[in-house]
Amino acid sequence: MASGLCQNCSRLLKEFAARLSKACREFEMKIRDVFRELSRCTCFRIPPESSFLRRTTQELPPLHLLYDDETQLLSQEGLQTLSRLAASENTDLQMTAAMYYLHLSQHLKSPLPDAFMEPVMALLLSTDLDVQKTISLALVNLLVRKNVCKELVIEMGMLVPILELFQSGDATAQCHSCACVALLASSESNRDALMVDGIIPLLALAKSYDPQVQQSATWALLHLTQSDWSTRILCQAGAIPVLVLLLQSSDSEVQFCSCTALCNIAAIQEHHPKLLSIGGHYLLKSLLTLMSSSVQKNSAQACRCLQTLSKNVLIQEQLMELDCVLPLKALLKTSTAVWAKPAVTLLSVLSAHPPNNEFLVSEGLLDEIGQLLHHHRSSSAIITHSCVIITNLCSSHMGQQAVMENLCLPGLLWALVSPALLDETLLHVTSCLHHLITLDTLRSILSAAITAEQVSGLVKLSGQIQNPLLSYNCAAIMSKLEMTEEVIRLLRPHYTTMSEYLLVFLKMKDVKFQQLGIVTIFNLKKDGDFSSLLANSELEVQLRTVHVQTEETRRLLQMIQPLSPSSVDP
């Protein structure tokens, strides 16, 4: 094929190519000796570690297998490679292994074989802080996801390098270390080992100015308060003042963890003197301040801590002096039951101490309780503690007057027919109502307030003899109702059913039920319709039987001549 060039141009190009080839050969001859000498120097050789790195990383299974076949990922060859990398003195090789574990910890679904923990120990002992931070984070992930056994971590001696990270001065390393300690402390069998060397460094880190470090340390301390023994050691090491100070932290998580830890400590009464030894009621003041927090879980937790402490009457008196009622009332107004519950629980404890009652009534507590019963109609805990408060505060005329003027009675009556409440809660409701209807000032009001639905509920519960306490309470309420025209109208449809359970009461061996049956019949006979129903009925026959038995018992008792005091004296 023609080149398109003339004969002269073709000749010149051939000469140029020949001369260029000759010049290259001559240049190669001149520099060959120089390159030969350079190649003999170690400066230009490939380091064995780099060659090893390329070779070993190629031997590691690709990470995409995490989403496919974990058995290949956790192969014996992979373990050997990780062991070589971890044992190397080259930090790049160590970091390769640490990064592999980190990715592994984020995606592994099955338990990590025990053999794979040995390279982890070697990496924790690395002299490179970045390697330690990476592998400790991987260990945190593995513990969180329960891919490794916590006891094995302790048995392998990993706790020592983990605790040494406390002293690193690096905030990230300290956070990872605290997280490991907290997760390991959640296992009861590990706490002894953690307590020996971990408390003092943790307390020091809890005072850190770095919020993340402080948060991690407080979290770890919280986990160490979950057993009586470790809590005792913590208190001996001076944890209480540190935790109390942390209540004032600007970090809401630190506040929550420290408050929860103090709540756990307060559950053991022997620690109360230490808790209260901080001058000026500092702990109680701090908890009351936290109770007013805008973070509701912190507010509720502070309330729980105070509730635990308030089992001590002295602490109750101090709380009243510090005007604890105002923040507690604010908590009662929250729309979420989980926040209102600790407040009403603490108030029920305070109301059980009679000297507190007049002040609680004067502060309008019963008004708040009435509102609470209407806003949280399905919360058994709130209703139960509300019943306790109402019963306690109605011991005074002022309390009875307050109940007459608020929503407490309607709230209690509504609870009678609530389908969400269990018998245990209904027992508290009916016990409270029975107490109120025995009070002259409230009997007529309660009788006027009761509805047809509530009467039906009481009749139904009265007949549940399998739950004798609940049955008794309901029947006792019915026996105390004032027989007004309206009450009689509500009761008449139930006379037959009532006669049935009253007959059962009269046949029972428990005298208390027999007496209740008699009192109820006496009250119902004020209505002529019931008297007509009673005439010649089985109920009337049983009533006569009880009368005969009672008379016989009285006659037998009269036969017994009690010994005079002089006859028994020596």
Protein backbone atom coordinates (compact mmCIF):
# COMPACT_ATOMS: atom_id res chain seq x y z
CA MET A 1 0.00 0.00 0.00
CA ALA A 2 1.42 3.40 -0.95
CA SER A 3 2.62 5.57 1.99
CA GLY A 4 1.76 8.85 0.32
CA LEU A 5 5.37 10.12 0.77
CA CYS A 6 7.84 10.88 -1.99
CA GLN A 7 11.02 8.87 -2.33
CA ASN A 8 13.22 11.58 -0.80
CA CYS A 9 11.01 11.97 2.36
CA SER A 10 10.93 8.22 2.89
CA ARG A 11 14.70 8.07 2.76
CA LEU A 12 15.12 10.93 5.28
CA LEU A 13 12.73 9.34 7.77
CA LYS A 14 14.57 6.03 7.62
CA GLU A 15 17.87 7.79 8.34
CA PHE A 16 16.28 9.64 11.32
CA ALA A 17 14.98 6.40 12.82
CA ALA A 18 18.35 4.71 12.47
CA ARG A 19 20.23 7.58 14.10
CA LEU A 20 17.68 7.77 16.97
CA SER A 21 18.03 4.06 17.64
CA LYS A 22 21.80 4.38 17.71
CA ALA A 23 21.64 7.37 20.12
CA CYS A 24 19.35 5.45 22.52
CA ARG A 25 21.70 2.48 22.59
CA GLU A 26 24.64 4.75 23.36
CA PHE A 27 22.67 6.55 26.16
CA GLU A 28 21.66 3.20 27.68
CA MET A 29 25.29 2.11 27.77
CA LYS A 30 26.25 5.34 29.57
CA ILE A 31 23.62 5.17 32.40
CA ARG A 32 23.52 1.38 32.88
CA ASP A 33 26.36 1.37 35.37
CA VAL A 34 24.80 4.24 37.37
CA PHE A 35 21.44 2.40 37.77
CA ARG A 36 23.25 -0.81 38.64
CA GLU A 37 24.91 0.94 41.60
CA LEU A 38 21.65 2.62 42.72
CA SER A 39 19.77 -0.65 42.72
CA ARG A 40 22.32 -2.16 45.06
CA CYS A 41 21.53 0.52 47.74
CA THR A 42 18.83 -0.27 50.35
CA CYS A 43 17.26 3.15 49.81
CA PHE A 44 15.70 1.99 46.57
CA ARG A 45 14.72 -1.50 47.64
CA ILE A 46 10.99 -2.39 48.38
CA PRO A 47 10.67 -2.76 52.18
CA PRO A 48 9.79 -6.30 53.25
CA GLU A 49 6.92 -4.89 55.34
CA SER A 50 5.37 -3.25 52.28
CA SER A 51 5.71 -6.42 50.33
CA PHE A 52 4.20 -8.29 53.31
CA LEU A 53 1.39 -5.74 53.55
CA ARG A 54 0.49 -6.19 49.89
CA ARG A 55 0.65 -9.93 50.20
CA THR A 56 -1.26 -10.30 53.47
CA THR A 57 -4.01 -7.82 52.66
CA GLN A 58 -4.58 -9.74 49.45
CA GLU A 59 -4.94 -12.84 51.63
CA LEU A 60 -7.69 -11.22 53.76
CA PRO A 61 -11.21 -12.07 52.56
CA PRO A 62 -12.91 -9.08 50.90
CA LEU A 63 -15.33 -7.20 53.16
CA HIS A 64 -18.22 -7.61 50.73
CA LEU A 65 -18.43 -11.16 52.08
CA LEU A 66 -19.94 -9.62 55.23
CA TYR A 67 -23.16 -9.37 53.29
CA ASP A 68 -22.83 -12.81 51.74
CA ASP A 69 -20.87 -15.63 53.37
CA GLU A 70 -19.54 -15.05 56.90
CA THR A 71 -17.94 -18.50 56.98
CA GLN A 72 -15.42 -17.41 54.34
CA LEU A 73 -14.82 -14.16 56.17
CA LEU A 74 -14.01 -16.00 59.41
CA SER A 75 -11.81 -18.61 57.77
CA GLN A 76 -8.67 -20.06 59.31
CA GLU A 77 -6.55 -18.36 56.63
CA GLY A 78 -8.07 -14.99 57.49
CA LEU A 79 -7.36 -15.58 61.19
CA GLN A 80 -3.71 -16.39 60.47
CA THR A 81 -3.37 -13.23 58.40
CA LEU A 82 -4.93 -11.06 61.11
CA SER A 83 -2.63 -12.64 63.69
CA ARG A 84 0.45 -11.81 61.58
CA LEU A 85 -0.72 -8.24 61.05
CA ALA A 86 -1.51 -7.71 64.74
CA ALA A 87 1.84 -9.17 65.83
CA SER A 88 3.83 -7.00 63.44
CA GLU A 89 5.81 -4.09 64.79
CA ASN A 90 4.76 -2.00 61.81
CA THR A 91 1.89 0.31 62.81
CA ASP A 92 0.51 0.37 59.26
CA LEU A 93 0.09 -3.38 59.37
CA GLN A 94 -1.50 -3.15 62.81
CA MET A 95 -3.90 -0.47 61.60
CA THR A 96 -4.89 -2.67 58.68
CA ALA A 97 -5.91 -5.40 61.11
CA ALA A 98 -7.67 -2.90 63.42
CA MET A 99 -9.64 -1.42 60.51
CA TYR A 100 -10.62 -4.91 59.41
CA TYR A 101 -12.00 -5.64 62.89
CA LEU A 102 -13.81 -2.29 62.89
CA HIS A 103 -15.61 -3.08 59.64
CA LEU A 104 -16.23 -6.58 60.91
CA SER A 105 -17.83 -5.20 64.11
CA GLN A 106 -20.22 -3.02 62.16
CA HIS A 107 -21.69 -5.77 60.01
CA LEU A 108 -21.08 -9.15 61.62
CA LYS A 109 -24.33 -10.93 62.49
CA SER A 110 -23.04 -14.13 64.06
CA PRO A 111 -20.84 -14.58 67.17
CA LEU A 112 -17.14 -13.94 66.62
CA PRO A 113 -15.15 -17.17 67.20
CA ASP A 114 -13.03 -17.04 70.35
CA ALA A 115 -9.83 -17.53 68.35
CA PHE A 116 -10.41 -14.19 66.60
CA MET A 117 -10.14 -12.41 69.97
CA GLU A 118 -6.41 -13.10 70.31
CA PRO A 119 -5.38 -10.56 67.62
CA VAL A 120 -7.70 -8.04 69.38
CA MET A 121 -5.62 -8.40 72.55
CA ALA A 122 -2.40 -7.84 70.58
CA LEU A 123 -3.84 -4.70 68.98
CA LEU A 124 -4.98 -3.30 72.34
CA LEU A 125 -1.35 -3.61 73.47
CA SER A 126 -0.09 -1.66 70.43
CA THR A 127 2.18 1.31 71.08
CA ASP A 128 0.23 3.32 68.51
CA LEU A 129 -2.70 5.25 70.00
CA ASP A 130 -4.62 5.35 66.71
CA VAL A 131 -4.50 1.57 66.52
CA GLN A 132 -5.74 1.34 70.12
CA LYS A 133 -8.58 3.77 69.45
CA THR A 134 -9.66 1.84 66.35
CA ILE A 135 -9.60 -1.60 67.95
CA SER A 136 -11.27 -0.38 71.17
CA LEU A 137 -14.11 1.08 69.09
CA ALA A 138 -14.40 -2.25 67.28
CA LEU A 139 -14.57 -3.99 70.67
CA VAL A 140 -17.34 -1.63 71.80
CA ASN A 141 -19.36 -2.50 68.69
CA LEU A 142 -18.82 -6.22 69.19
CA LEU A 143 -19.95 -5.96 72.83
CA VAL A 144 -23.01 -3.88 71.95
CA ARG A 145 -24.06 -6.34 69.25
CA LYS A 146 -23.28 -9.26 71.58
CA ASN A 147 -20.89 -10.79 69.06
CA VAL A 148 -18.36 -11.53 71.80
CA CYS A 149 -18.65 -12.97 75.30
CA LYS A 150 -18.03 -10.36 78.03
CA GLU A 151 -16.55 -12.93 80.38
CA LEU A 152 -14.03 -13.97 77.70
CA VAL A 153 -12.86 -10.36 77.35
CA ILE A 154 -12.07 -10.29 81.08
CA GLU A 155 -10.50 -13.77 81.10
CA MET A 156 -8.14 -12.81 78.27
CA GLY A 157 -6.81 -9.88 80.31
CA MET A 158 -8.14 -7.17 78.00
CA LEU A 159 -9.31 -5.08 80.94
CA VAL A 160 -5.76 -3.92 81.72
CA PRO A 161 -5.07 -2.22 78.35
CA ILE A 162 -8.68 -0.93 78.28
CA LEU A 163 -8.19 0.77 81.66
CA GLU A 164 -4.79 2.10 80.57
CA LEU A 165 -6.56 4.06 77.86
CA PHE A 166 -8.06 6.14 80.67
CA GLN A 167 -4.61 7.65 81.12
CA SER A 168 -3.99 8.33 77.42
CA GLY A 169 -5.16 11.94 77.58
CA ASP A 170 -7.00 11.42 74.29
CA ALA A 171 -10.73 12.14 74.60
CA THR A 172 -11.73 9.61 71.93
CA ALA A 173 -9.66 6.84 73.49
CA GLN A 174 -11.10 7.63 76.91
CA CYS A 175 -14.66 7.50 75.56
CA HIS A 176 -14.05 4.11 73.97
CA SER A 177 -12.48 2.86 77.19
CA CYS A 178 -15.42 4.06 79.30
CA ALA A 179 -17.88 2.48 76.90
CA CYS A 180 -16.05 -0.85 77.16
CA VAL A 181 -16.06 -0.66 80.95
CA ALA A 182 -19.77 0.16 81.05
CA LEU A 183 -20.64 -2.73 78.75
CA LEU A 184 -18.44 -5.16 80.65
CA ALA A 185 -19.90 -3.98 83.96
CA SER A 186 -23.37 -5.00 82.82
CA SER A 187 -22.25 -8.57 83.50
CA GLU A 188 -22.41 -9.40 87.22
CA SER A 189 -19.43 -11.75 87.03
CA ASN A 190 -17.17 -9.01 85.64
CA ARG A 191 -17.83 -6.30 88.24
CA ASP A 192 -15.33 -7.62 90.76
CA ALA A 193 -12.50 -7.36 88.24
CA LEU A 194 -13.61 -3.90 87.14
CA MET A 195 -13.87 -2.57 90.68
CA VAL A 196 -10.24 -3.33 91.54
CA ASP A 197 -8.61 -0.96 89.06
CA GLY A 198 -11.40 0.93 87.35
CA ILE A 199 -13.11 3.11 89.94
CA ILE A 200 -10.52 5.82 90.61
CA PRO A 201 -9.77 6.45 86.90
CA LEU A 202 -13.51 6.56 86.16
CA LEU A 203 -14.15 9.08 88.92
CA ALA A 204 -11.31 11.22 87.56
CA LEU A 205 -12.73 11.08 84.03
CA ALA A 206 -16.20 11.96 85.35
CA LYS A 207 -14.71 15.34 86.33
CA SER A 208 -13.35 15.91 82.81
CA TYR A 209 -14.12 19.16 81.04
CA ASP A 210 -14.72 17.21 77.82
CA PRO A 211 -18.51 16.55 77.69
CA GLN A 212 -18.13 13.30 75.74
CA VAL A 213 -15.56 11.90 78.16
CA GLN A 214 -17.67 12.96 81.14
CA GLN A 215 -20.74 11.34 79.61
CA SER A 216 -18.96 8.05 78.94
CA ALA A 217 -17.44 7.93 82.44
CA THR A 218 -20.80 8.66 84.11
CA TRP A 219 -22.43 5.97 82.00
CA ALA A 220 -19.80 3.49 83.17
CA LEU A 221 -20.29 4.51 86.82
CA LEU A 222 -24.02 3.98 86.42
CA HIS A 223 -23.46 0.37 85.37
CA LEU A 224 -21.28 -0.18 88.43
CA THR A 225 -24.19 0.77 90.74
CA GLN A 226 -26.27 -2.21 89.65
CA SER A 227 -25.10 -4.55 92.41
CA ASP A 228 -24.97 -4.02 96.17
CA TRP A 229 -21.31 -5.01 96.44
CA SER A 230 -20.00 -2.74 93.68
CA THR A 231 -22.20 0.12 94.93
CA ARG A 232 -20.66 -0.21 98.37
CA ILE A 233 -17.12 -0.09 96.91
CA LEU A 234 -18.05 2.94 94.81
CA CYS A 235 -19.32 4.80 97.86
CA GLN A 236 -16.17 3.96 99.80
CA ALA A 237 -14.09 5.33 96.92
CA GLY A 238 -15.89 8.69 97.10
CA ALA A 239 -18.32 8.37 94.20
CA ILE A 240 -21.26 10.08 95.94
CA PRO A 241 -19.86 13.67 95.96
CA VAL A 242 -18.79 13.28 92.32
CA LEU A 243 -22.23 12.02 91.23
CA VAL A 244 -24.00 14.77 93.19
CA LEU A 245 -21.88 17.43 91.48
CA LEU A 246 -22.67 15.89 88.09
CA LEU A 247 -26.36 16.64 88.68
CA GLN A 248 -25.38 20.25 87.91
CA SER A 249 -23.76 19.30 84.58
CA SER A 250 -24.84 21.20 81.48
CA ASP A 251 -25.12 17.89 79.63
CA SER A 252 -28.57 16.31 80.02
CA GLU A 253 -27.23 12.75 79.53
CA VAL A 254 -24.67 13.25 82.29
CA GLN A 255 -27.48 14.52 84.53
CA PHE A 256 -29.63 11.49 83.76
CA CYS A 257 -26.85 8.92 84.31
CA SER A 258 -25.65 10.51 87.56
CA CYS A 259 -29.24 10.81 88.86
CA THR A 260 -29.98 7.18 88.01
CA ALA A 261 -26.76 6.09 89.71
CA LEU A 262 -27.71 8.05 92.84
CA CYS A 263 -31.17 6.46 92.71
CA ASN A 264 -29.54 3.01 92.73
CA ILE A 265 -27.35 4.03 95.67
CA ALA A 266 -30.33 5.48 97.56
CA ALA A 267 -32.12 2.14 97.28
CA ILE A 268 -29.66 0.82 99.88
CA GLN A 269 -30.52 2.56 103.15
CA GLU A 270 -27.04 2.19 104.66
CA HIS A 271 -25.81 4.80 102.15
CA HIS A 272 -28.34 7.45 103.22
CA PRO A 273 -26.01 9.06 105.81
CA LYS A 274 -23.34 9.59 103.14
CA LEU A 275 -25.91 10.89 100.67
CA LEU A 276 -27.13 13.45 103.21
CA SER A 277 -23.72 14.32 104.64
CA ILE A 278 -23.10 16.91 101.91
CA GLY A 279 -23.88 20.18 103.67
CA GLY A 280 -26.84 22.48 103.19
CA HIS A 281 -29.19 19.79 101.87
CA TYR A 282 -27.13 20.01 98.67
CA LEU A 283 -28.31 16.67 97.26
CA LEU A 284 -32.01 17.37 97.88
CA LYS A 285 -31.70 20.89 96.46
CA SER A 286 -29.92 19.56 93.36
CA LEU A 287 -32.59 16.91 92.81
CA LEU A 288 -35.39 19.46 93.24
CA THR A 289 -33.65 21.72 90.71
CA LEU A 290 -33.33 18.81 88.29
CA MET A 291 -37.00 17.98 88.86
CA SER A 292 -37.80 21.35 87.24
CA SER A 293 -35.69 20.48 84.17
CA SER A 294 -37.20 20.93 80.72
CA VAL A 295 -35.87 17.45 79.90
CA GLN A 296 -38.75 15.36 81.18
CA LYS A 297 -36.87 12.09 81.61
CA ASN A 298 -34.39 13.90 83.89
CA SER A 299 -37.21 15.52 85.81
CA ALA A 300 -38.95 12.18 86.31
CA GLN A 301 -35.71 10.44 87.30
CA ALA A 302 -34.97 13.11 89.92
CA CYS A 303 -38.46 12.50 91.27
CA ARG A 304 -37.81 8.75 91.48
CA CYS A 305 -34.59 9.39 93.38
CA LEU A 306 -36.40 11.62 95.86
CA GLN A 307 -39.11 9.00 96.21
CA THR A 308 -36.49 6.40 97.14
CA LEU A 309 -34.93 8.76 99.65
CA SER A 310 -38.29 9.82 101.11
CA LYS A 311 -38.72 6.49 102.88
CA ASN A 312 -36.67 8.25 105.54
CA VAL A 313 -39.01 10.49 107.60
CA LEU A 314 -36.19 12.99 108.24
CA ILE A 315 -35.74 13.41 104.49
CA GLN A 316 -39.50 13.93 104.10
CA GLU A 317 -39.36 16.79 106.59
CA GLN A 318 -36.41 18.34 104.77
CA LEU A 319 -38.22 18.07 101.43
CA MET A 320 -41.25 19.83 102.84
CA GLU A 321 -39.00 22.59 104.20
CA LEU A 322 -37.50 22.99 100.70
CA ASP A 323 -41.02 23.45 99.19
CA CYS A 324 -40.97 20.34 97.04
CA VAL A 325 -44.70 20.45 96.30
CA LEU A 326 -44.56 23.12 93.59
CA PRO A 327 -42.29 21.21 91.13
CA LEU A 328 -44.20 18.00 91.91
CA LYS A 329 -47.50 19.67 90.98
CA ALA A 330 -45.92 20.82 87.73
CA LEU A 331 -45.01 17.22 86.91
CA LEU A 332 -48.59 16.10 87.61
CA LYS A 333 -49.76 18.39 84.82
CA THR A 334 -47.67 16.66 82.13
CA SER A 335 -49.68 14.83 79.50
CA THR A 336 -47.48 11.73 79.59
CA ALA A 337 -48.23 9.19 82.31
CA VAL A 338 -44.60 8.06 82.55
CA TRP A 339 -43.60 11.53 83.82
CA ALA A 340 -46.60 12.04 86.11
CA LYS A 341 -46.25 8.62 87.74
CA PRO A 342 -43.05 9.32 89.78
CA ALA A 343 -44.50 12.62 91.01
CA VAL A 344 -47.76 11.11 92.26
CA THR A 345 -45.81 8.22 93.79
CA LEU A 346 -43.62 10.60 95.80
CA LEU A 347 -46.66 12.63 96.86
CA SER A 348 -48.40 9.48 98.10
CA VAL A 349 -45.36 8.78 100.30
CA LEU A 350 -45.40 12.34 101.65
CA SER A 351 -49.16 12.20 102.32
CA ALA A 352 -48.68 9.09 104.50
CA HIS A 353 -46.88 11.30 107.05
CA PRO A 354 -49.72 13.11 108.94
CA PRO A 355 -47.76 16.31 109.75
CA ASN A 356 -47.50 16.96 105.98
CA ASN A 357 -51.21 16.70 105.23
CA GLU A 358 -52.45 20.15 106.16
CA PHE A 359 -49.79 21.80 104.00
CA LEU A 360 -50.48 19.45 101.07
CA VAL A 361 -54.20 20.27 101.19
CA SER A 362 -53.54 24.00 101.47
CA GLU A 363 -51.30 23.80 98.38
CA GLY A 364 -54.27 22.55 96.35
CA LEU A 365 -52.91 19.04 95.84
CA LEU A 366 -56.36 17.43 95.82
CA ASP A 367 -57.39 19.71 92.94
CA GLU A 368 -54.44 18.41 90.93
CA ILE A 369 -55.26 14.80 91.86
CA GLY A 370 -58.83 15.28 90.61
CA GLN A 371 -57.51 16.52 87.27
CA LEU A 372 -55.00 13.66 87.19
CA LEU A 373 -57.72 11.03 87.57
CA HIS A 374 -59.49 12.43 84.52
CA HIS A 375 -56.41 12.82 82.30
CA HIS A 376 -54.83 9.42 83.04
CA ARG A 377 -57.82 7.11 83.25
CA SER A 378 -55.97 4.00 82.06
CA SER A 379 -52.86 4.27 84.25
CA SER A 380 -53.17 1.79 87.12
CA ALA A 381 -50.15 3.22 88.97
CA ILE A 382 -51.42 6.81 88.86
CA ILE A 383 -54.94 5.80 89.95
CA THR A 384 -53.61 3.63 92.79
CA HIS A 385 -51.38 6.37 94.23
CA SER A 386 -54.13 8.96 93.74
CA CYS A 387 -56.42 6.79 95.89
CA VAL A 388 -53.76 6.65 98.61
CA ILE A 389 -53.38 10.45 98.58
CA ILE A 390 -57.15 11.08 98.72
CA THR A 391 -57.59 8.62 101.59
CA ASN A 392 -54.71 10.14 103.56
CA LEU A 393 -55.69 13.78 103.04
CA CYS A 394 -59.38 13.24 103.88
CA SER A 395 -58.45 12.56 107.48
CA SER A 396 -59.02 16.27 108.14
CA HIS A 397 -62.12 18.42 107.67
CA MET A 398 -60.14 20.67 105.31
CA GLY A 399 -59.31 17.65 103.14
CA GLN A 400 -62.93 16.51 103.07
CA GLN A 401 -64.02 19.99 102.07
CA ALA A 402 -61.46 20.02 99.25
CA VAL A 403 -62.73 16.67 97.90
CA MET A 404 -66.28 18.05 97.85
CA GLU A 405 -65.16 20.93 95.65
CA ASN A 406 -63.01 19.16 93.02
CA LEU A 407 -63.05 16.25 90.57
CA CYS A 408 -61.76 13.54 92.92
CA LEU A 409 -65.15 11.86 93.52
CA PRO A 410 -66.20 11.85 89.84
CA GLY A 411 -62.76 10.52 88.92
CA LEU A 412 -62.97 7.66 91.39
CA LEU A 413 -66.53 6.77 90.31
CA TRP A 414 -65.50 6.77 86.67
CA ALA A 415 -62.63 4.39 87.48
CA LEU A 416 -65.19 1.86 88.74
CA VAL A 417 -66.39 1.23 85.20
CA SER A 418 -63.05 1.62 83.40
CA PRO A 419 -62.41 -1.48 81.24
CA ALA A 420 -58.65 -0.78 81.35
CA LEU A 421 -58.22 -1.38 85.09
CA LEU A 422 -57.38 -4.70 86.70
CA ASP A 423 -58.94 -5.99 89.92
CA GLU A 424 -55.87 -4.96 91.92
CA THR A 425 -56.37 -1.32 90.93
CA LEU A 426 -60.14 -1.54 91.46
CA LEU A 427 -59.41 -2.78 94.97
CA HIS A 428 -57.66 0.52 95.73
CA VAL A 429 -60.45 2.54 94.09
CA THR A 430 -63.23 0.78 96.02
CA SER A 431 -61.26 0.94 99.28
CA CYS A 432 -60.93 4.71 98.85
CA LEU A 433 -64.62 5.13 97.99
CA HIS A 434 -65.63 2.98 100.96
CA HIS A 435 -63.54 5.21 103.23
CA LEU A 436 -65.11 8.37 101.78
CA ILE A 437 -68.71 7.16 102.02
CA THR A 438 -68.26 6.40 105.72
CA LEU A 439 -67.58 10.13 106.28
CA ASP A 440 -70.78 12.01 107.09
CA THR A 441 -69.68 15.06 105.11
CA LEU A 442 -69.21 13.06 101.91
CA ARG A 443 -71.87 10.33 102.10
CA SER A 444 -74.72 12.39 100.67
CA ILE A 445 -72.52 13.92 97.97
CA LEU A 446 -71.27 10.52 96.83
CA SER A 447 -74.81 9.08 96.89
CA ALA A 448 -76.02 11.93 94.72
CA ALA A 449 -73.12 11.66 92.29
CA ILE A 450 -73.34 7.93 91.51
CA THR A 451 -74.82 6.92 88.14
CA ALA A 452 -76.72 3.89 86.88
CA GLU A 453 -73.62 2.55 85.13
CA GLN A 454 -71.57 2.84 88.29
CA VAL A 455 -74.26 1.13 90.39
CA SER A 456 -74.29 -1.73 87.86
CA GLY A 457 -70.52 -1.97 88.15
CA LEU A 458 -70.66 -2.13 91.95
CA VAL A 459 -73.36 -4.81 91.90
CA LYS A 460 -71.37 -6.91 89.42
CA LEU A 461 -68.15 -6.63 91.46
CA SER A 462 -70.00 -7.37 94.71
CA GLY A 463 -70.95 -10.74 93.29
CA GLN A 464 -67.35 -11.72 92.45
CA ILE A 465 -66.86 -13.81 95.59
CA GLN A 466 -63.65 -15.29 94.13
CA ASN A 467 -62.08 -11.89 94.94
CA PRO A 468 -63.40 -11.46 98.51
CA LEU A 469 -61.70 -8.13 99.30
CA LEU A 470 -63.00 -6.46 96.14
CA SER A 471 -66.44 -8.00 96.66
CA TYR A 472 -66.55 -6.76 100.25
CA ASN A 473 -65.50 -3.19 99.34
CA CYS A 474 -68.13 -2.87 96.64
CA ALA A 475 -70.91 -4.32 98.78
CA ALA A 476 -69.87 -2.05 101.66
CA ILE A 477 -70.21 1.01 99.39
CA MET A 478 -73.68 -0.14 98.38
CA SER A 479 -74.68 -0.63 102.02
CA LYS A 480 -73.79 2.99 102.83
CA LEU A 481 -75.69 4.70 100.01
CA GLU A 482 -78.40 7.05 101.22
CA MET A 483 -81.75 5.60 100.15
CA THR A 484 -83.02 8.69 98.38
CA GLU A 485 -85.62 8.41 95.65
CA GLU A 486 -82.91 8.62 92.97
CA VAL A 487 -80.71 5.96 94.61
CA ILE A 488 -83.73 3.66 95.08
CA ARG A 489 -84.58 4.11 91.39
CA LEU A 490 -81.03 3.09 90.46
CA LEU A 491 -80.99 0.09 92.82
CA ARG A 492 -84.38 -1.48 92.01
CA PRO A 493 -83.29 -3.18 88.75
CA HIS A 494 -80.58 -4.99 90.72
CA TYR A 495 -82.53 -6.24 93.76
CA THR A 496 -82.60 -9.83 92.54
CA THR A 497 -78.85 -9.89 91.83
CA MET A 498 -78.12 -8.20 95.14
CA SER A 499 -80.25 -10.76 96.98
CA GLU A 500 -78.11 -13.51 95.45
CA TYR A 501 -74.80 -12.17 96.70
CA LEU A 502 -76.31 -11.20 100.07
CA LEU A 503 -77.46 -14.82 100.48
CA VAL A 504 -73.89 -15.95 99.83
CA PHE A 505 -72.60 -13.45 102.41
CA LEU A 506 -75.00 -14.75 105.09
CA LYS A 507 -73.87 -18.34 104.45
CA MET A 508 -70.16 -17.48 104.75
CA LYS A 509 -68.24 -18.40 107.90
CA ASP A 510 -66.55 -15.00 107.92
CA VAL A 511 -68.56 -12.94 110.41
CA LYS A 512 -67.50 -9.73 108.67
CA PHE A 513 -69.43 -10.73 105.54
CA GLN A 514 -72.44 -11.85 107.56
CA GLN A 515 -72.56 -8.48 109.31
CA LEU A 516 -72.22 -6.64 106.00
CA GLY A 517 -75.11 -8.67 104.57
CA ILE A 518 -77.32 -7.77 107.55
CA VAL A 519 -76.45 -4.05 107.34
CA THR A 520 -77.17 -4.00 103.60
CA ILE A 521 -80.55 -5.73 104.04
CA PHE A 522 -81.47 -3.23 106.77
CA ASN A 523 -80.64 -0.34 104.42
CA LEU A 524 -82.50 -1.81 101.43
CA LYS A 525 -85.65 -2.52 103.49
CA LYS A 526 -86.23 1.23 103.51
CA ASP A 527 -87.69 0.56 100.06
CA GLY A 528 -91.00 -1.31 100.19
CA ASP A 529 -90.23 -3.10 96.91
CA PHE A 530 -87.21 -4.80 98.45
CA SER A 531 -89.20 -5.70 101.56
CA SER A 532 -91.78 -7.40 99.35
CA LEU A 533 -89.03 -9.28 97.51
CA LEU A 534 -87.48 -10.36 100.82
CA ALA A 535 -90.71 -11.77 102.28
CA ASN A 536 -90.68 -15.60 102.41
CA SER A 537 -87.57 -15.72 100.23
CA GLU A 538 -84.53 -17.94 100.70
CA LEU A 539 -82.65 -14.81 101.79
CA GLU A 540 -85.15 -14.22 104.63
CA VAL A 541 -84.90 -17.88 105.72
CA GLN A 542 -81.11 -17.62 105.86
CA LEU A 543 -81.44 -14.36 107.79
CA ARG A 544 -83.52 -16.16 110.42
CA THR A 545 -80.93 -18.98 110.53
CA VAL A 546 -78.18 -16.46 111.23
CA HIS A 547 -80.36 -14.91 113.91
CA VAL A 548 -80.89 -18.31 115.60
CA GLN A 549 -77.17 -19.08 115.40
CA THR A 550 -76.35 -15.70 116.90
CA GLU A 551 -78.80 -16.20 119.75
CA GLU A 552 -77.38 -19.65 120.44
CA THR A 553 -73.88 -18.25 120.50
CA ARG A 554 -74.98 -15.54 122.92
CA ARG A 555 -76.63 -18.13 125.19
CA LEU A 556 -73.48 -20.27 125.24
CA LEU A 557 -71.35 -17.27 126.06
CA GLN A 558 -73.59 -16.40 128.98
CA MET A 559 -72.99 -19.88 130.39
CA ILE A 560 -69.35 -19.04 130.83
CA GLN A 561 -68.78 -17.41 134.20
CA PRO A 562 -65.62 -15.27 133.84
CA LEU A 563 -63.17 -15.67 136.70
CA SER A 564 -62.94 -12.68 138.98
CA PRO A 565 -59.54 -10.94 139.12
CA SER A 566 -59.12 -11.95 142.78
CA SER A 567 -59.48 -15.65 141.96
CA VAL A 568 -56.51 -15.66 139.63
CA ASP A 569 -54.20 -13.53 141.74
CA PRO A 570 -51.75 -15.49 143.93
